[in-house]
């Protein structure tokens, strides 16, 4: 058994908690390569989720921080194009196979280690995400999201009152607000689930939800806002007011490409809520077919997010007000079986919009004017920054 595999499997805290850096500091390039080969074999056969993930993160750390700097490891080199494509598509296992084959043929190099580090890092978090996904899918009410393979199987529709036009092209606007989360203590964001398997004390968190106010502007209010409405275009229009960014998403590939633009969190919220189910990733069907079932033929949705007093406020992650009832989305055209207090609280606003088209126009005008001002300022700042080159 290799030394690092023994560290991972040991039940003795004195051995299991040994520092990876302490081992790598004195090991040579050949020894580290042998350990990497052993760890790669181990992570493929281990049935223990914690051990498998820890082996993947060991491999990431060795290739990123230690092996490239050892004597005998050549600088530079090329990463196979197929491996780069696999990394971008989050096909980490495929990328690892290609990179290991190149390493076996060409020898160890800094470029190949860089690619392997990225692949093992992504695979580690993907393994954790898969476990979370399995846990979520085990809940009966969530199972439909993982069973959809075609837009014709899509069961959701936007509530009828949200699909009634006030004037040509104008639909009621649904507004949802939520407090911002502050972490008084946490253990490394995505590492919480991983740490909880081996060191529960390190995964304890304490969060509070906070409303904010500027002095002299009234009482505290929830700082994170989301606006939702139907539009007469077969796209999912996503806008971040704070970032001055907007995108018309017209395909499933664009929706699941989180690095394509600055709207990755909004895309994740739309997917996590089930509006675009995670099971549709990779589907060759047009996104317009799903939106047609959701909002009506030839229609799409407009999802806008912003934060009051946004300086210093991270409005994202679990602060996203993206639940299905909150967005007026339910299964079928009858009464919403999942309706709760939040949904009932928001419906009157949609009804008020139906009886006050001027109010809808004014609200849309104010939001668009504010968005344009922010976007113009963003473009001006970018131009000035570019001018100073």
Protein backbone atom coordinates (compact mmCIF):
# COMPACT_ATOMS: atom_id res chain seq x y z
CA UNK A 1 0.00 0.00 0.00
CA UNK A 2 1.30 3.46 -0.89
CA UNK A 3 1.99 5.91 1.90
CA UNK A 4 -0.70 8.41 0.89
CA UNK A 5 -3.30 5.67 0.48
CA UNK A 6 -2.41 4.46 3.96
CA UNK A 7 -2.90 8.00 5.31
CA UNK A 8 -6.36 8.20 3.74
CA UNK A 9 -7.52 4.80 5.01
CA UNK A 10 -5.99 4.90 8.47
CA UNK A 11 -8.29 4.98 11.49
CA UNK A 12 -5.50 6.40 13.65
CA UNK A 13 -5.87 10.23 13.82
CA UNK A 14 -2.10 10.59 14.15
CA UNK A 15 -1.71 9.05 10.71
CA UNK A 16 -4.94 10.18 9.00
CA UNK A 17 -4.32 13.85 9.86
CA UNK A 18 -0.75 13.96 8.58
CA UNK A 19 0.06 16.88 6.29
CA UNK A 20 0.25 16.15 2.57
CA UNK A 21 2.81 18.93 2.25
CA UNK A 22 4.99 17.30 4.86
CA UNK A 23 5.14 14.13 2.79
CA UNK A 24 5.63 15.86 -0.57
CA UNK A 25 8.39 18.15 0.70
CA UNK A 26 10.89 15.30 1.04
CA UNK A 27 9.64 13.08 -1.81
CA UNK A 28 11.26 13.09 -5.23
CA UNK A 29 9.55 13.27 -8.61
CA UNK A 30 9.61 9.48 -9.14
CA UNK A 31 8.15 8.81 -5.71
CA UNK A 32 5.38 11.37 -6.23
CA UNK A 33 4.51 9.85 -9.61
CA UNK A 34 4.27 6.40 -8.03
CA UNK A 35 2.02 7.82 -5.32
CA UNK A 36 -0.15 9.53 -7.97
CA UNK A 37 -0.55 6.24 -9.82
CA UNK A 38 -1.53 4.48 -6.61
CA UNK A 39 -3.99 7.23 -5.66
CA UNK A 40 -5.56 7.17 -9.11
CA UNK A 41 -6.10 3.40 -8.87
CA UNK A 42 -7.50 3.81 -5.37
CA UNK A 43 -10.01 6.53 -6.25
CA UNK A 44 -11.40 4.32 -9.04
CA UNK A 45 -12.12 1.30 -6.82
CA UNK A 46 -12.94 2.77 -3.41
CA UNK A 47 -16.58 2.51 -2.33
CA UNK A 48 -16.06 5.09 0.42
CA UNK A 49 -17.11 8.55 -0.78
CA UNK A 50 -14.89 10.40 1.68
CA UNK A 51 -11.80 8.36 0.79
CA UNK A 52 -12.45 8.71 -2.94
CA UNK A 53 -12.83 12.49 -2.74
CA UNK A 54 -9.80 12.91 -0.51
CA UNK A 55 -7.69 10.92 -2.97
CA UNK A 56 -8.87 13.20 -5.79
CA UNK A 57 -7.93 16.32 -3.84
CA UNK A 58 -4.55 14.80 -2.94
CA UNK A 59 -3.95 14.26 -6.66
CA UNK A 60 -4.99 17.85 -7.38
CA UNK A 61 -2.62 19.26 -4.76
CA UNK A 62 0.33 17.12 -5.85
CA UNK A 63 0.01 18.11 -9.50
CA UNK A 64 -0.67 21.77 -8.74
CA UNK A 65 1.75 22.59 -5.93
CA UNK A 66 4.47 19.94 -5.72
CA UNK A 67 5.28 17.76 -8.72
CA UNK A 68 5.96 20.54 -11.29
CA UNK A 69 8.71 21.96 -9.05
CA UNK A 70 10.61 18.71 -8.51
CA UNK A 71 13.97 18.05 -10.13
CA UNK A 72 13.66 16.14 -13.38
CA UNK A 73 10.18 17.43 -14.29
CA UNK A 74 10.39 19.31 -17.55
CA UNK A 75 9.03 22.81 -17.89
CA UNK A 76 6.44 23.76 -20.46
CA UNK A 77 4.89 21.27 -22.84
CA UNK A 78 1.52 20.92 -24.52
CA UNK A 79 -1.88 19.88 -23.23
CA UNK A 80 -3.81 17.73 -25.74
CA UNK A 81 -6.71 19.61 -27.28
CA UNK A 82 -9.13 16.78 -26.48
CA UNK A 83 -8.23 17.09 -22.80
CA UNK A 84 -8.86 20.84 -22.83
CA UNK A 85 -12.21 20.27 -24.53
CA UNK A 86 -13.11 17.66 -21.89
CA UNK A 87 -12.29 20.08 -19.07
CA UNK A 88 -14.46 22.81 -20.59
CA UNK A 89 -17.35 20.34 -20.94
CA UNK A 90 -16.83 19.10 -17.34
CA UNK A 91 -15.99 15.61 -18.62
CA UNK A 92 -13.22 15.27 -16.09
CA UNK A 93 -12.80 11.48 -16.23
CA UNK A 94 -12.27 11.65 -20.00
CA UNK A 95 -9.76 14.47 -19.64
CA UNK A 96 -7.82 12.52 -16.99
CA UNK A 97 -7.57 9.45 -19.24
CA UNK A 98 -6.21 11.57 -22.12
CA UNK A 99 -3.73 13.41 -19.90
CA UNK A 100 -2.48 10.22 -18.21
CA UNK A 101 -1.95 8.62 -21.62
CA UNK A 102 0.06 11.67 -22.72
CA UNK A 103 2.09 11.56 -19.51
CA UNK A 104 2.85 7.87 -20.04
CA UNK A 105 4.01 8.54 -23.61
CA UNK A 106 5.89 11.82 -23.11
CA UNK A 107 6.96 11.73 -19.48
CA UNK A 108 6.06 14.06 -16.63
CA UNK A 109 5.82 17.76 -17.44
CA UNK A 110 4.53 20.94 -15.86
CA UNK A 111 1.89 21.49 -18.55
CA UNK A 112 0.40 18.01 -18.18
CA UNK A 113 0.44 18.35 -14.38
CA UNK A 114 -1.43 21.64 -14.75
CA UNK A 115 -4.11 19.90 -16.79
CA UNK A 116 -4.32 16.97 -14.37
CA UNK A 117 -4.62 19.35 -11.42
CA UNK A 118 -7.58 21.09 -13.06
CA UNK A 119 -9.21 17.75 -13.91
CA UNK A 120 -8.82 16.21 -10.45
CA UNK A 121 -10.02 19.42 -8.80
CA UNK A 122 -13.14 19.50 -10.95
CA UNK A 123 -13.72 15.78 -10.47
CA UNK A 124 -13.53 16.12 -6.69
CA UNK A 125 -16.27 18.73 -6.55
CA UNK A 126 -18.27 16.91 -9.22
CA UNK A 127 -18.19 13.78 -7.05
CA UNK A 128 -19.52 15.76 -4.11
CA UNK A 129 -22.15 17.40 -6.30
CA UNK A 130 -23.28 14.00 -7.56
CA UNK A 131 -23.76 12.85 -3.97
CA UNK A 132 -25.81 15.96 -3.16
CA UNK A 133 -27.82 15.41 -6.34
CA UNK A 134 -28.59 11.82 -5.34
CA UNK A 135 -29.70 13.02 -1.91
CA UNK A 136 -31.98 15.67 -3.45
CA UNK A 137 -33.44 13.19 -5.93
CA UNK A 138 -34.29 10.77 -3.12
CA UNK A 139 -36.99 13.23 -1.99
CA UNK A 140 -40.23 12.24 -3.71
CA UNK A 141 -41.24 15.81 -4.59
CA UNK A 142 -37.98 16.40 -6.48
CA UNK A 143 -37.86 13.23 -8.54
CA UNK A 144 -39.70 14.64 -11.56
CA UNK A 145 -36.78 17.01 -12.26
CA UNK A 146 -34.41 14.11 -12.91
CA UNK A 147 -36.85 12.08 -15.02
CA UNK A 148 -37.46 14.61 -17.78
CA UNK A 149 -35.72 13.77 -21.03
CA UNK A 150 -37.69 15.88 -23.48
CA UNK A 151 -39.59 19.20 -23.36
CA UNK A 152 -42.82 17.29 -24.06
CA UNK A 153 -42.44 15.69 -20.60
CA UNK A 154 -42.20 19.10 -18.90
CA UNK A 155 -45.05 19.47 -16.36
CA UNK A 156 -44.81 23.12 -15.29
CA UNK A 157 -46.66 26.21 -16.43
CA UNK A 158 -46.74 29.81 -15.28
CA UNK A 159 -49.89 30.82 -13.44
CA UNK A 160 -52.70 32.01 -15.70
CA UNK A 161 -52.81 35.56 -14.32
CA UNK A 162 -49.12 36.02 -15.10
CA UNK A 163 -49.78 35.16 -18.75
CA UNK A 164 -52.49 37.80 -19.30
CA UNK A 165 -51.25 40.78 -21.31
CA UNK A 166 -52.01 44.25 -19.92
CA UNK A 167 -51.05 45.89 -23.21
CA UNK A 168 -49.37 44.39 -26.28
CA UNK A 169 -46.09 42.89 -25.09
CA UNK A 170 -46.60 43.82 -21.41
CA UNK A 171 -47.32 41.24 -18.73
CA UNK A 172 -47.67 41.48 -14.93
CA UNK A 173 -44.41 41.71 -13.00
CA UNK A 174 -43.81 39.43 -10.03
CA UNK A 175 -41.46 40.77 -7.36
CA UNK A 176 -39.79 38.68 -4.68
CA UNK A 177 -37.44 39.86 -1.93
CA UNK A 178 -35.22 38.04 0.52
CA UNK A 179 -32.77 38.95 3.31
CA UNK A 180 -29.05 38.70 2.71
CA UNK A 181 -27.12 35.93 4.45
CA UNK A 182 -24.15 36.67 6.67
CA UNK A 183 -21.85 33.85 7.73
CA UNK A 184 -20.61 34.46 11.27
CA UNK A 185 -18.64 31.24 10.97
CA UNK A 186 -18.23 28.72 8.21
CA UNK A 187 -15.80 26.04 7.15
CA UNK A 188 -14.95 26.75 3.57
CA UNK A 189 -18.17 26.98 1.53
CA UNK A 190 -18.30 23.88 -0.68
CA UNK A 191 -16.03 21.99 1.71
CA UNK A 192 -18.73 21.82 4.40
CA UNK A 193 -20.25 18.59 3.08
CA UNK A 194 -16.80 17.04 2.65
CA UNK A 195 -15.51 18.06 6.08
CA UNK A 196 -18.69 16.81 7.74
CA UNK A 197 -17.83 13.23 6.73
CA UNK A 198 -14.52 13.18 8.59
CA UNK A 199 -14.47 16.14 10.97
CA UNK A 200 -18.03 17.21 11.89
CA UNK A 201 -16.81 19.83 14.35
CA UNK A 202 -15.13 21.64 11.45
CA UNK A 203 -18.35 21.74 9.43
CA UNK A 204 -20.45 23.62 11.98
CA UNK A 205 -21.87 26.86 10.65
CA UNK A 206 -23.74 29.82 12.09
CA UNK A 207 -25.69 31.98 9.64
CA UNK A 208 -28.05 34.91 10.11
CA UNK A 209 -30.47 36.55 7.67
CA UNK A 210 -30.27 40.34 7.60
CA UNK A 211 -32.45 43.17 6.29
CA UNK A 212 -30.58 46.37 5.44
CA UNK A 213 -31.33 50.10 5.46
CA UNK A 214 -29.48 53.32 4.80
CA UNK A 215 -29.82 55.93 7.53
CA UNK A 216 -32.70 58.26 6.82
CA UNK A 217 -34.32 56.04 4.17
CA UNK A 218 -36.85 54.25 6.39
CA UNK A 219 -36.85 50.92 8.15
CA UNK A 220 -34.86 47.84 7.21
CA UNK A 221 -35.94 45.95 4.11
CA UNK A 222 -34.84 42.74 2.42
CA UNK A 223 -31.92 43.79 0.20
CA UNK A 224 -32.09 41.11 -2.52
CA UNK A 225 -34.80 41.57 -5.15
CA UNK A 226 -35.90 39.45 -8.09
CA UNK A 227 -38.36 40.37 -10.83
CA UNK A 228 -40.09 37.86 -13.08
CA UNK A 229 -42.45 38.21 -16.04
CA UNK A 230 -43.47 36.64 -19.32
CA UNK A 231 -42.10 38.15 -22.56
CA UNK A 232 -43.09 37.76 -26.21
CA UNK A 233 -39.77 36.18 -27.22
CA UNK A 234 -38.88 32.46 -26.98
CA UNK A 235 -35.81 33.06 -24.78
CA UNK A 236 -34.90 33.10 -21.10
CA UNK A 237 -33.74 36.68 -20.51
CA UNK A 238 -31.51 36.93 -17.44
CA UNK A 239 -30.35 40.25 -16.01
CA UNK A 240 -28.12 41.21 -13.10
CA UNK A 241 -28.75 44.89 -12.33
CA UNK A 242 -25.74 45.10 -10.03
CA UNK A 243 -23.33 43.70 -12.62
CA UNK A 244 -24.93 45.57 -15.51
CA UNK A 245 -25.15 42.30 -17.42
CA UNK A 246 -27.96 40.71 -19.40
CA UNK A 247 -28.23 37.73 -21.74
CA UNK A 248 -30.91 36.11 -23.87
CA UNK A 249 -30.47 32.37 -23.34
CA UNK A 250 -31.80 30.51 -26.37
CA UNK A 251 -30.51 26.95 -25.87
CA UNK A 252 -29.93 24.40 -23.15
CA UNK A 253 -26.20 24.50 -23.90
CA UNK A 254 -26.12 28.23 -23.10
CA UNK A 255 -28.16 27.75 -19.91
CA UNK A 256 -25.73 25.15 -18.56
CA UNK A 257 -22.61 27.08 -19.64
CA UNK A 258 -22.02 28.95 -16.37
CA UNK A 259 -18.71 30.45 -17.52
CA UNK A 260 -20.16 31.96 -20.69
CA UNK A 261 -21.02 35.30 -19.05
CA UNK A 262 -21.45 36.99 -15.67
CA UNK A 263 -24.85 35.38 -15.08
CA UNK A 264 -23.73 31.97 -13.80
CA UNK A 265 -25.53 32.36 -10.45
CA UNK A 266 -28.80 33.34 -12.11
CA UNK A 267 -28.53 30.36 -14.45
CA UNK A 268 -27.87 28.09 -11.48
CA UNK A 269 -30.96 29.49 -9.71
CA UNK A 270 -33.16 28.84 -12.75
CA UNK A 271 -31.84 25.26 -12.92
CA UNK A 272 -32.01 24.57 -9.18
CA UNK A 273 -35.62 25.79 -9.05
CA UNK A 274 -36.64 23.31 -11.76
CA UNK A 275 -37.70 25.95 -14.27
CA UNK A 276 -35.05 24.42 -16.53
CA UNK A 277 -34.55 20.96 -14.97
CA UNK A 278 -31.01 19.71 -14.51
CA UNK A 279 -31.89 16.57 -16.48
CA UNK A 280 -32.18 18.69 -19.65
CA UNK A 281 -28.42 19.31 -19.74
CA UNK A 282 -27.08 18.13 -23.09
CA UNK A 283 -30.52 17.94 -24.69
CA UNK A 284 -30.45 18.70 -28.44
CA UNK A 285 -34.02 19.99 -28.32
CA UNK A 286 -34.63 23.77 -28.53
CA UNK A 287 -35.08 25.63 -25.27
CA UNK A 288 -38.01 27.38 -26.99
CA UNK A 289 -40.00 24.11 -26.83
CA UNK A 290 -39.73 24.04 -23.05
CA UNK A 291 -40.51 27.76 -22.74
CA UNK A 292 -43.57 27.24 -24.93
CA UNK A 293 -44.98 24.74 -22.42
CA UNK A 294 -44.02 27.02 -19.53
CA UNK A 295 -45.21 30.42 -20.79
CA UNK A 296 -47.14 29.77 -24.02
CA UNK A 297 -46.30 29.48 -27.73
CA UNK A 298 -43.69 32.00 -28.87
CA UNK A 299 -43.15 33.30 -25.33
CA UNK A 300 -40.27 33.26 -22.90
CA UNK A 301 -39.40 34.54 -19.43
CA UNK A 302 -37.56 37.58 -18.09
CA UNK A 303 -35.69 37.11 -14.79
CA UNK A 304 -33.99 40.18 -13.28
CA UNK A 305 -32.00 40.30 -10.05
CA UNK A 306 -30.64 43.21 -8.04
CA UNK A 307 -29.71 44.28 -4.52
CA UNK A 308 -30.46 47.45 -2.59
CA UNK A 309 -27.34 49.02 -1.05
CA UNK A 310 -25.40 46.42 -3.02
CA UNK A 311 -21.90 47.63 -2.09
CA UNK A 312 -20.51 45.01 0.22
CA UNK A 313 -23.51 42.71 -0.27
CA UNK A 314 -22.90 39.40 -2.03
CA UNK A 315 -26.29 38.68 -3.57
CA UNK A 316 -26.07 35.14 -4.80
CA UNK A 317 -25.95 31.48 -3.88
CA UNK A 318 -28.67 30.58 -1.41
CA UNK A 319 -29.83 34.21 -1.25
CA UNK A 320 -31.43 33.71 -4.69
CA UNK A 321 -35.24 33.97 -4.38
CA UNK A 322 -35.76 31.26 -6.97
CA UNK A 323 -38.36 28.84 -5.57
CA UNK A 324 -41.07 27.65 -7.92
CA UNK A 325 -44.02 29.03 -5.92
CA UNK A 326 -42.19 32.36 -5.56
CA UNK A 327 -42.02 32.72 -9.33
CA UNK A 328 -45.67 31.88 -9.91
CA UNK A 329 -44.81 28.55 -11.55
CA UNK A 330 -46.80 25.41 -10.81
CA UNK A 331 -47.77 22.08 -12.29
CA UNK A 332 -50.71 22.43 -14.68
CA UNK A 333 -53.34 25.15 -14.93
CA UNK A 334 -55.30 24.26 -11.80
CA UNK A 335 -54.67 25.42 -8.20
CA UNK A 336 -51.04 25.28 -7.21
CA UNK A 337 -50.63 22.17 -5.04
CA UNK A 338 -47.39 23.56 -3.60
CA UNK A 339 -48.76 27.01 -2.83
CA UNK A 340 -47.42 28.42 0.43
CA UNK A 341 -47.39 31.72 2.28
CA UNK A 342 -44.80 33.23 -0.03
CA UNK A 343 -46.82 32.44 -3.15
CA UNK A 344 -50.04 33.82 -1.67
CA UNK A 345 -48.26 36.95 -0.55
CA UNK A 346 -46.94 37.65 -4.04
CA UNK A 347 -50.09 36.91 -6.05
CA UNK A 348 -51.92 40.13 -5.18
CA UNK A 349 -49.09 42.13 -6.76
CA UNK A 350 -49.62 40.31 -10.05
CA UNK A 351 -53.35 40.98 -9.72
CA UNK A 352 -52.75 44.68 -9.05
CA UNK A 353 -50.65 44.82 -12.21
CA UNK A 354 -53.56 43.32 -14.16
CA UNK A 355 -55.82 46.18 -13.11
CA UNK A 356 -53.28 48.97 -13.40
CA UNK A 357 -51.49 48.89 -16.75
CA UNK A 358 -50.15 52.40 -16.13
CA UNK A 359 -48.56 51.17 -12.90
CA UNK A 360 -46.97 48.29 -14.78
CA UNK A 361 -45.64 50.71 -17.42
CA UNK A 362 -44.18 52.99 -14.77
CA UNK A 363 -42.53 50.14 -12.91
CA UNK A 364 -41.04 48.74 -16.11
CA UNK A 365 -39.87 52.22 -17.11
CA UNK A 366 -38.20 52.83 -13.77
CA UNK A 367 -36.45 49.47 -13.79
CA UNK A 368 -35.25 49.83 -17.37
CA UNK A 369 -34.10 53.41 -16.81
CA UNK A 370 -32.11 52.38 -13.76
CA UNK A 371 -30.65 49.44 -15.63
CA UNK A 372 -29.63 51.64 -18.56
CA UNK A 373 -27.98 54.15 -16.20
CA UNK A 374 -25.99 51.43 -14.52
CA UNK A 375 -25.04 49.87 -17.84
CA UNK A 376 -23.98 53.26 -19.28
CA UNK A 377 -21.81 53.91 -16.24
CA UNK A 378 -20.31 50.45 -16.56
CA UNK A 379 -19.47 51.00 -20.21
CA UNK A 380 -18.00 54.46 -19.44
CA UNK A 381 -15.79 53.03 -16.69
CA UNK A 382 -14.62 50.26 -18.99
CA UNK A 383 -13.81 52.80 -21.69
CA UNK A 384 -11.82 54.92 -19.28
CA UNK A 385 -9.96 51.91 -17.98
CA UNK A 386 -9.14 50.88 -21.54
CA UNK A 387 -8.02 54.43 -22.38
CA UNK A 388 -5.48 54.38 -19.57
CA UNK A 389 -4.27 50.98 -20.88
